[in-house]
Amino acid sequence: MTVITPEVLLNAYAAGIFPMAESADDQTLFWIDPEFRGILPLDGFHVPRRLKRTVRSSKFTIRIDTAFEDVVSGCADATPDRPSTWINLRIRQLYQQLFEMDRCHTVEVWRENELVGGLYGISLGGAFFGESMFSRETDASKVALVHLVARLRTGGFTLLDTQFITDHLRRFGVREIPREDYHRILGAALSVQADFRAFCRDDDPDYVLQSISQTS
């Protein structure tokens, strides 16, 4: 049996597969290679008008990579819409190691020094693999997604992998593509040298929205 290390995990992402667990209490992992994959075209990201107003209101403060464990815990929390989670202890350990290797990143949404939403994912070449998001206030996770897309576009990324598609993600332009098409797009993205830290204006909401609206 192959021991799953951070390096094995990165190789798996590069091959188009990712791990999950049956539940938070199950310490085993299994690999997923969906027949259809959810992706968010970075040049086709749709921001609803009401969400734009929320972004511009500056009610939230955005931070990057400052509270990894808290973001993962938020993503693992049970909610009325998600009573169980697939984020088990092994997942936490592996992604913590990837975070320390600067391969896993968080986009955090704060309000008055309280973490109220965010997301985390893996950065590899010009691909970003979104793992999970959470929200404790209305629109907090959506604001995190807006800032993520602005960061990826500015940094030269070409692929935002959402793994699956939901009604929540569909409204932003996420679409499903067949496995063969995904692998082709992934291969091209992995050859790109992108920079997750190129964007440094999370405190300027108008610039964030402008970064998303610009076409490549």
C-alpha atoms as a PDB file:
ATOM      1  CA  MET A   1       0.000   0.000   0.000  1.00  0.00           C
ATOM      2  CA  THR A   2       1.343   3.415  -0.980  1.00  0.00           C
ATOM      3  CA  VAL A   3       1.879   5.745   1.949  1.00  0.00           C
ATOM      4  CA  ILE A   4       0.268   9.086   1.140  1.00  0.00           C
ATOM      5  CA  THR A   5       2.802  11.851   1.672  1.00  0.00           C
ATOM      6  CA  PRO A   6       2.556  15.512   0.628  1.00  0.00           C
ATOM      7  CA  GLU A   7       4.682  14.666  -2.417  1.00  0.00           C
ATOM      8  CA  VAL A   8       2.389  11.780  -3.376  1.00  0.00           C
ATOM      9  CA  LEU A   9      -0.574  14.114  -2.958  1.00  0.00           C
ATOM     10  CA  LEU A  10       0.922  16.723  -5.298  1.00  0.00           C
ATOM     11  CA  ASN A  11       1.648  14.031  -7.883  1.00  0.00           C
ATOM     12  CA  ALA A  12      -1.960  12.900  -7.608  1.00  0.00           C
ATOM     13  CA  TYR A  13      -3.254  16.410  -8.266  1.00  0.00           C
ATOM     14  CA  ALA A  14      -0.929  16.664 -11.258  1.00  0.00           C
ATOM     15  CA  ALA A  15      -2.454  13.423 -12.545  1.00  0.00           C
ATOM     16  CA  GLY A  16      -5.992  14.765 -12.118  1.00  0.00           C
ATOM     17  CA  ILE A  17      -7.050  12.881  -8.979  1.00  0.00           C
ATOM     18  CA  PHE A  18      -7.660  13.993  -5.401  1.00  0.00           C
ATOM     19  CA  PRO A  19      -8.314  12.300  -2.034  1.00  0.00           C
ATOM     20  CA  MET A  20     -11.429  12.167   0.116  1.00  0.00           C
ATOM     21  CA  ALA A  21     -12.561  10.320   3.221  1.00  0.00           C
ATOM     22  CA  GLU A  22     -15.933   8.733   3.948  1.00  0.00           C
ATOM     23  CA  SER A  23     -16.316  10.827   7.098  1.00  0.00           C
ATOM     24  CA  ALA A  24     -14.364  12.820   9.667  1.00  0.00           C
ATOM     25  CA  ASP A  25     -14.091   9.670  11.807  1.00  0.00           C
ATOM     26  CA  ASP A  26     -12.777   7.462   9.008  1.00  0.00           C
ATOM     27  CA  GLN A  27      -8.990   7.607   8.924  1.00  0.00           C
ATOM     28  CA  THR A  28      -8.667   6.022   5.470  1.00  0.00           C
ATOM     29  CA  LEU A  29      -8.516   7.980   2.215  1.00  0.00           C
ATOM     30  CA  PHE A  30      -9.616   7.061  -1.280  1.00  0.00           C
ATOM     31  CA  TRP A  31      -8.853   8.644  -4.647  1.00  0.00           C
ATOM     32  CA  ILE A  32     -11.416  10.451  -6.790  1.00  0.00           C
ATOM     33  CA  ASP A  33     -11.183  10.843 -10.567  1.00  0.00           C
ATOM     34  CA  PRO A  34     -14.648  12.101 -11.590  1.00  0.00           C
ATOM     35  CA  GLU A  35     -16.034  11.363 -15.031  1.00  0.00           C
ATOM     36  CA  PHE A  36     -17.084  15.021 -15.149  1.00  0.00           C
ATOM     37  CA  ARG A  37     -15.133  17.801 -13.450  1.00  0.00           C
ATOM     38  CA  GLY A  38     -16.231  21.207 -12.246  1.00  0.00           C
ATOM     39  CA  ILE A  39     -14.085  24.131 -13.356  1.00  0.00           C
ATOM     40  CA  LEU A  40     -14.543  27.875 -13.094  1.00  0.00           C
ATOM     41  CA  PRO A  41     -13.252  29.655 -16.221  1.00  0.00           C
ATOM     42  CA  LEU A  42     -11.243  32.564 -14.851  1.00  0.00           C
ATOM     43  CA  ASP A  43     -12.254  34.787 -17.764  1.00  0.00           C
ATOM     44  CA  GLY A  44     -15.936  33.950 -17.302  1.00  0.00           C
ATOM     45  CA  PHE A  45     -16.444  34.531 -13.588  1.00  0.00           C
ATOM     46  CA  HIS A  46     -19.838  36.116 -12.930  1.00  0.00           C
ATOM     47  CA  VAL A  47     -20.290  38.340  -9.861  1.00  0.00           C
ATOM     48  CA  PRO A  48     -23.958  39.051  -9.054  1.00  0.00           C
ATOM     49  CA  ARG A  49     -24.800  42.719  -8.550  1.00  0.00           C
ATOM     50  CA  ARG A  50     -25.703  42.272  -4.889  1.00  0.00           C
ATOM     51  CA  LEU A  51     -22.387  40.546  -4.202  1.00  0.00           C
ATOM     52  CA  LYS A  52     -20.531  43.406  -5.868  1.00  0.00           C
ATOM     53  CA  ARG A  53     -22.184  45.759  -3.406  1.00  0.00           C
ATOM     54  CA  THR A  54     -21.069  43.549  -0.534  1.00  0.00           C
ATOM     55  CA  VAL A  55     -17.485  43.500  -1.803  1.00  0.00           C
ATOM     56  CA  ARG A  56     -17.494  47.283  -2.185  1.00  0.00           C
ATOM     57  CA  SER A  57     -18.976  47.816   1.275  1.00  0.00           C
ATOM     58  CA  SER A  58     -15.667  46.837   2.877  1.00  0.00           C
ATOM     59  CA  LYS A  59     -17.561  45.215   5.750  1.00  0.00           C
ATOM     60  CA  PHE A  60     -15.026  42.374   5.618  1.00  0.00           C
ATOM     61  CA  THR A  61     -11.239  42.316   5.827  1.00  0.00           C
ATOM     62  CA  ILE A  62      -9.388  39.815   3.623  1.00  0.00           C
ATOM     63  CA  ARG A  63      -6.239  38.042   4.768  1.00  0.00           C
ATOM     64  CA  ILE A  64      -4.146  35.413   3.023  1.00  0.00           C
ATOM     65  CA  ASP A  65      -2.481  32.416   4.690  1.00  0.00           C
ATOM     66  CA  THR A  66      -2.724  33.665   8.273  1.00  0.00           C
ATOM     67  CA  ALA A  67      -5.103  31.142   9.857  1.00  0.00           C
ATOM     68  CA  PHE A  68      -4.826  27.848   8.015  1.00  0.00           C
ATOM     69  CA  GLU A  69      -5.964  25.530  10.821  1.00  0.00           C
ATOM     70  CA  ASP A  70      -8.942  27.761  11.627  1.00  0.00           C
ATOM     71  CA  VAL A  71     -10.047  27.826   7.985  1.00  0.00           C
ATOM     72  CA  VAL A  72      -9.871  24.037   7.704  1.00  0.00           C
ATOM     73  CA  SER A  73     -11.796  23.712  10.961  1.00  0.00           C
ATOM     74  CA  GLY A  74     -14.441  26.080   9.600  1.00  0.00           C
ATOM     75  CA  CYS A  75     -14.718  23.988   6.452  1.00  0.00           C
ATOM     76  CA  ALA A  76     -15.054  20.829   8.574  1.00  0.00           C
ATOM     77  CA  ASP A  77     -17.788  22.191  10.850  1.00  0.00           C
ATOM     78  CA  ALA A  78     -21.217  20.632  10.525  1.00  0.00           C
ATOM     79  CA  THR A  79     -23.945  22.940   9.185  1.00  0.00           C
ATOM     80  CA  PRO A  80     -27.672  22.489   8.520  1.00  0.00           C
ATOM     81  CA  ASP A  81     -26.877  22.067   4.818  1.00  0.00           C
ATOM     82  CA  ARG A  82     -23.859  19.844   5.483  1.00  0.00           C
ATOM     83  CA  PRO A  83     -24.320  17.701   8.604  1.00  0.00           C
ATOM     84  CA  SER A  84     -21.194  15.615   7.935  1.00  0.00           C
ATOM     85  CA  THR A  85     -17.762  16.298   6.481  1.00  0.00           C
ATOM     86  CA  TRP A  86     -15.100  14.381   4.595  1.00  0.00           C
ATOM     87  CA  ILE A  87     -12.250  16.313   6.269  1.00  0.00           C
ATOM     88  CA  ASN A  88     -10.656  13.812   8.625  1.00  0.00           C
ATOM     89  CA  LEU A  89      -7.488  13.992  10.715  1.00  0.00           C
ATOM     90  CA  ARG A  90      -5.266  12.637   7.917  1.00  0.00           C
ATOM     91  CA  ILE A  91      -6.594  15.268   5.505  1.00  0.00           C
ATOM     92  CA  ARG A  92      -5.822  17.968   8.063  1.00  0.00           C
ATOM     93  CA  GLN A  93      -2.282  16.671   8.576  1.00  0.00           C
ATOM     94  CA  LEU A  94      -1.481  16.375   4.872  1.00  0.00           C
ATOM     95  CA  TYR A  95      -2.783  19.797   3.939  1.00  0.00           C
ATOM     96  CA  GLN A  96      -1.048  21.360   6.923  1.00  0.00           C
ATOM     97  CA  GLN A  97       2.209  19.969   5.528  1.00  0.00           C
ATOM     98  CA  LEU A  98       1.364  21.322   2.080  1.00  0.00           C
ATOM     99  CA  PHE A  99       0.624  24.694   3.670  1.00  0.00           C
ATOM    100  CA  GLU A 100       4.077  24.652   5.272  1.00  0.00           C
ATOM    101  CA  MET A 101       5.512  23.854   1.811  1.00  0.00           C
ATOM    102  CA  ASP A 102       3.671  26.925   0.397  1.00  0.00           C
ATOM    103  CA  ARG A 103       1.517  24.664  -1.794  1.00  0.00           C
ATOM    104  CA  CYS A 104      -1.738  25.088   0.116  1.00  0.00           C
ATOM    105  CA  HIS A 105      -3.281  28.509   0.614  1.00  0.00           C
ATOM    106  CA  THR A 106      -6.171  30.162   2.387  1.00  0.00           C
ATOM    107  CA  VAL A 107      -8.296  33.163   1.534  1.00  0.00           C
ATOM    108  CA  GLU A 108      -9.759  34.366   4.824  1.00  0.00           C
ATOM    109  CA  VAL A 109     -12.700  36.677   5.466  1.00  0.00           C
ATOM    110  CA  TRP A 110     -12.556  38.554   8.764  1.00  0.00           C
ATOM    111  CA  ARG A 111     -14.947  40.929  10.496  1.00  0.00           C
ATOM    112  CA  GLU A 112     -13.753  42.824  13.550  1.00  0.00           C
ATOM    113  CA  ASN A 113     -10.897  40.340  14.028  1.00  0.00           C
ATOM    114  CA  GLU A 114     -13.235  37.346  13.878  1.00  0.00           C
ATOM    115  CA  LEU A 115     -12.872  34.756  11.123  1.00  0.00           C
ATOM    116  CA  VAL A 116     -16.297  34.547   9.476  1.00  0.00           C
ATOM    117  CA  GLY A 117     -15.552  32.716   6.244  1.00  0.00           C
ATOM    118  CA  GLY A 118     -12.912  31.522   3.853  1.00  0.00           C
ATOM    119  CA  LEU A 119     -11.591  28.811   1.604  1.00  0.00           C
ATOM    120  CA  TYR A 120      -8.462  26.756   1.024  1.00  0.00           C
ATOM    121  CA  GLY A 121      -6.904  24.968  -1.904  1.00  0.00           C
ATOM    122  CA  ILE A 122      -3.780  23.694  -3.620  1.00  0.00           C
ATOM    123  CA  SER A 123      -1.577  25.708  -5.957  1.00  0.00           C
ATOM    124  CA  LEU A 124       0.407  23.802  -8.581  1.00  0.00           C
ATOM    125  CA  GLY A 125       1.833  25.495 -11.669  1.00  0.00           C
ATOM    126  CA  GLY A 126      -0.966  27.549 -13.174  1.00  0.00           C
ATOM    127  CA  ALA A 127      -3.682  25.423 -11.564  1.00  0.00           C
ATOM    128  CA  PHE A 128      -5.524  26.076  -8.315  1.00  0.00           C
ATOM    129  CA  PHE A 129      -7.522  23.212  -6.850  1.00  0.00           C
ATOM    130  CA  GLY A 130     -10.267  24.544  -4.617  1.00  0.00           C
ATOM    131  CA  GLU A 131     -10.849  22.151  -1.740  1.00  0.00           C
ATOM    132  CA  SER A 132     -13.525  23.606   0.506  1.00  0.00           C
ATOM    133  CA  MET A 133     -15.079  26.836   1.752  1.00  0.00           C
ATOM    134  CA  PHE A 134     -17.191  27.936   4.687  1.00  0.00           C
ATOM    135  CA  SER A 135     -19.265  30.887   5.798  1.00  0.00           C
ATOM    136  CA  ARG A 136     -20.464  32.053   9.206  1.00  0.00           C
ATOM    137  CA  GLU A 137     -21.939  35.284   7.859  1.00  0.00           C
ATOM    138  CA  THR A 138     -23.990  35.927   4.755  1.00  0.00           C
ATOM    139  CA  ASP A 139     -21.833  36.098   1.605  1.00  0.00           C
ATOM    140  CA  ALA A 140     -18.529  35.584   3.458  1.00  0.00           C
ATOM    141  CA  SER A 141     -17.483  32.540   1.409  1.00  0.00           C
ATOM    142  CA  LYS A 142     -18.640  34.249  -1.791  1.00  0.00           C
ATOM    143  CA  VAL A 143     -16.455  37.261  -1.015  1.00  0.00           C
ATOM    144  CA  ALA A 144     -13.540  34.861  -0.467  1.00  0.00           C
ATOM    145  CA  LEU A 145     -14.177  33.378  -3.913  1.00  0.00           C
ATOM    146  CA  VAL A 146     -14.199  36.833  -5.521  1.00  0.00           C
ATOM    147  CA  HIS A 147     -10.831  37.636  -3.982  1.00  0.00           C
ATOM    148  CA  LEU A 148      -9.469  34.229  -4.970  1.00  0.00           C
ATOM    149  CA  VAL A 149     -10.389  34.749  -8.628  1.00  0.00           C
ATOM    150  CA  ALA A 150      -8.830  38.231  -8.644  1.00  0.00           C
ATOM    151  CA  ARG A 151      -5.661  36.754  -7.171  1.00  0.00           C
ATOM    152  CA  LEU A 152      -5.524  33.878  -9.652  1.00  0.00           C
ATOM    153  CA  ARG A 153      -6.111  36.116 -12.660  1.00  0.00           C
ATOM    154  CA  THR A 154      -3.437  38.575 -11.551  1.00  0.00           C
ATOM    155  CA  GLY A 155      -1.003  35.765 -10.785  1.00  0.00           C
ATOM    156  CA  GLY A 156      -1.285  34.186 -14.228  1.00  0.00           C
ATOM    157  CA  PHE A 157      -3.270  31.064 -13.301  1.00  0.00           C
ATOM    158  CA  THR A 158      -5.249  29.395 -16.075  1.00  0.00           C
ATOM    159  CA  LEU A 159      -7.304  26.782 -14.192  1.00  0.00           C
ATOM    160  CA  LEU A 160      -9.557  26.947 -11.138  1.00  0.00           C
ATOM    161  CA  ASP A 161     -10.679  23.405 -10.378  1.00  0.00           C
ATOM    162  CA  THR A 162     -13.816  23.215  -8.199  1.00  0.00           C
ATOM    163  CA  GLN A 163     -13.867  19.384  -8.407  1.00  0.00           C
ATOM    164  CA  PHE A 164     -17.668  19.158  -8.429  1.00  0.00           C
ATOM    165  CA  ILE A 165     -20.455  21.507  -9.456  1.00  0.00           C
ATOM    166  CA  THR A 166     -23.220  22.775  -7.173  1.00  0.00           C
ATOM    167  CA  ASP A 167     -26.080  25.209  -7.619  1.00  0.00           C
ATOM    168  CA  HIS A 168     -24.124  27.599  -5.395  1.00  0.00           C
ATOM    169  CA  LEU A 169     -21.112  27.493  -7.736  1.00  0.00           C
ATOM    170  CA  ARG A 170     -23.108  27.356 -10.969  1.00  0.00           C
ATOM    171  CA  ARG A 171     -24.281  30.962 -10.506  1.00  0.00           C
ATOM    172  CA  PHE A 172     -20.657  32.113 -10.720  1.00  0.00           C
ATOM    173  CA  GLY A 173     -20.042  30.417 -14.058  1.00  0.00           C
ATOM    174  CA  VAL A 174     -18.766  27.008 -12.944  1.00  0.00           C
ATOM    175  CA  ARG A 175     -19.337  24.346 -15.577  1.00  0.00           C
ATOM    176  CA  GLU A 176     -18.735  20.630 -15.962  1.00  0.00           C
ATOM    177  CA  ILE A 177     -16.372  19.202 -18.518  1.00  0.00           C
ATOM    178  CA  PRO A 178     -15.552  15.572 -19.401  1.00  0.00           C
ATOM    179  CA  ARG A 179     -12.545  13.936 -17.778  1.00  0.00           C
ATOM    180  CA  GLU A 180     -10.551  13.903 -21.044  1.00  0.00           C
ATOM    181  CA  ASP A 181     -11.031  17.657 -21.544  1.00  0.00           C
ATOM    182  CA  TYR A 182     -10.101  18.314 -17.939  1.00  0.00           C
ATOM    183  CA  HIS A 183      -6.851  16.387 -18.232  1.00  0.00           C
ATOM    184  CA  ARG A 184      -5.939  18.344 -21.350  1.00  0.00           C
ATOM    185  CA  ILE A 185      -6.612  21.691 -19.646  1.00  0.00           C
ATOM    186  CA  LEU A 186      -4.788  20.542 -16.524  1.00  0.00           C
ATOM    187  CA  GLY A 187      -1.717  19.514 -18.510  1.00  0.00           C
ATOM    188  CA  ALA A 188      -1.517  22.959 -20.087  1.00  0.00           C
ATOM    189  CA  ALA A 189      -2.005  24.684 -16.715  1.00  0.00           C
ATOM    190  CA  LEU A 190       0.766  22.700 -15.034  1.00  0.00           C
ATOM    191  CA  SER A 191       3.298  24.086 -17.523  1.00  0.00           C
ATOM    192  CA  VAL A 192       2.480  27.676 -16.475  1.00  0.00           C
ATOM    193  CA  GLN A 193       4.568  29.536 -13.914  1.00  0.00           C
ATOM    194  CA  ALA A 194       1.954  31.347 -11.849  1.00  0.00           C
ATOM    195  CA  ASP A 195       2.352  33.395  -8.680  1.00  0.00           C
ATOM    196  CA  PHE A 196      -0.303  33.154  -5.958  1.00  0.00           C
ATOM    197  CA  ARG A 197       1.218  36.145  -4.151  1.00  0.00           C
ATOM    198  CA  ALA A 198       1.331  38.521  -7.123  1.00  0.00           C
ATOM    199  CA  PHE A 199      -1.924  40.152  -6.019  1.00  0.00           C
ATOM    200  CA  CYS A 200      -1.527  42.433  -2.998  1.00  0.00           C
ATOM    201  CA  ARG A 201      -4.519  44.795  -3.114  1.00  0.00           C
ATOM    202  CA  ASP A 202      -7.170  42.886  -1.181  1.00  0.00           C
ATOM    203  CA  ASP A 203      -7.872  46.128   0.697  1.00  0.00           C
ATOM    204  CA  ASP A 204      -9.056  47.845  -2.511  1.00  0.00           C
ATOM    205  CA  PRO A 205     -12.469  46.363  -3.449  1.00  0.00           C
ATOM    206  CA  ASP A 206     -12.813  48.399  -6.644  1.00  0.00           C
ATOM    207  CA  TYR A 207      -9.446  47.110  -7.842  1.00  0.00           C
ATOM    208  CA  VAL A 208     -10.480  43.566  -6.924  1.00  0.00           C
ATOM    209  CA  LEU A 209     -13.627  43.817  -9.052  1.00  0.00           C
ATOM    210  CA  GLN A 210     -11.738  45.499 -11.869  1.00  0.00           C
ATOM    211  CA  SER A 211      -9.193  42.675 -11.867  1.00  0.00           C
ATOM    212  CA  ILE A 212     -12.003  40.195 -12.415  1.00  0.00           C
ATOM    213  CA  SER A 213     -13.749  42.155 -15.162  1.00  0.00           C
ATOM    214  CA  GLN A 214     -10.637  42.621 -17.273  1.00  0.00           C
ATOM    215  CA  THR A 215     -10.309  40.170 -20.128  1.00  0.00           C
ATOM    216  CA  SER A 216      -7.090  38.357 -20.924  1.00  0.00           C
END
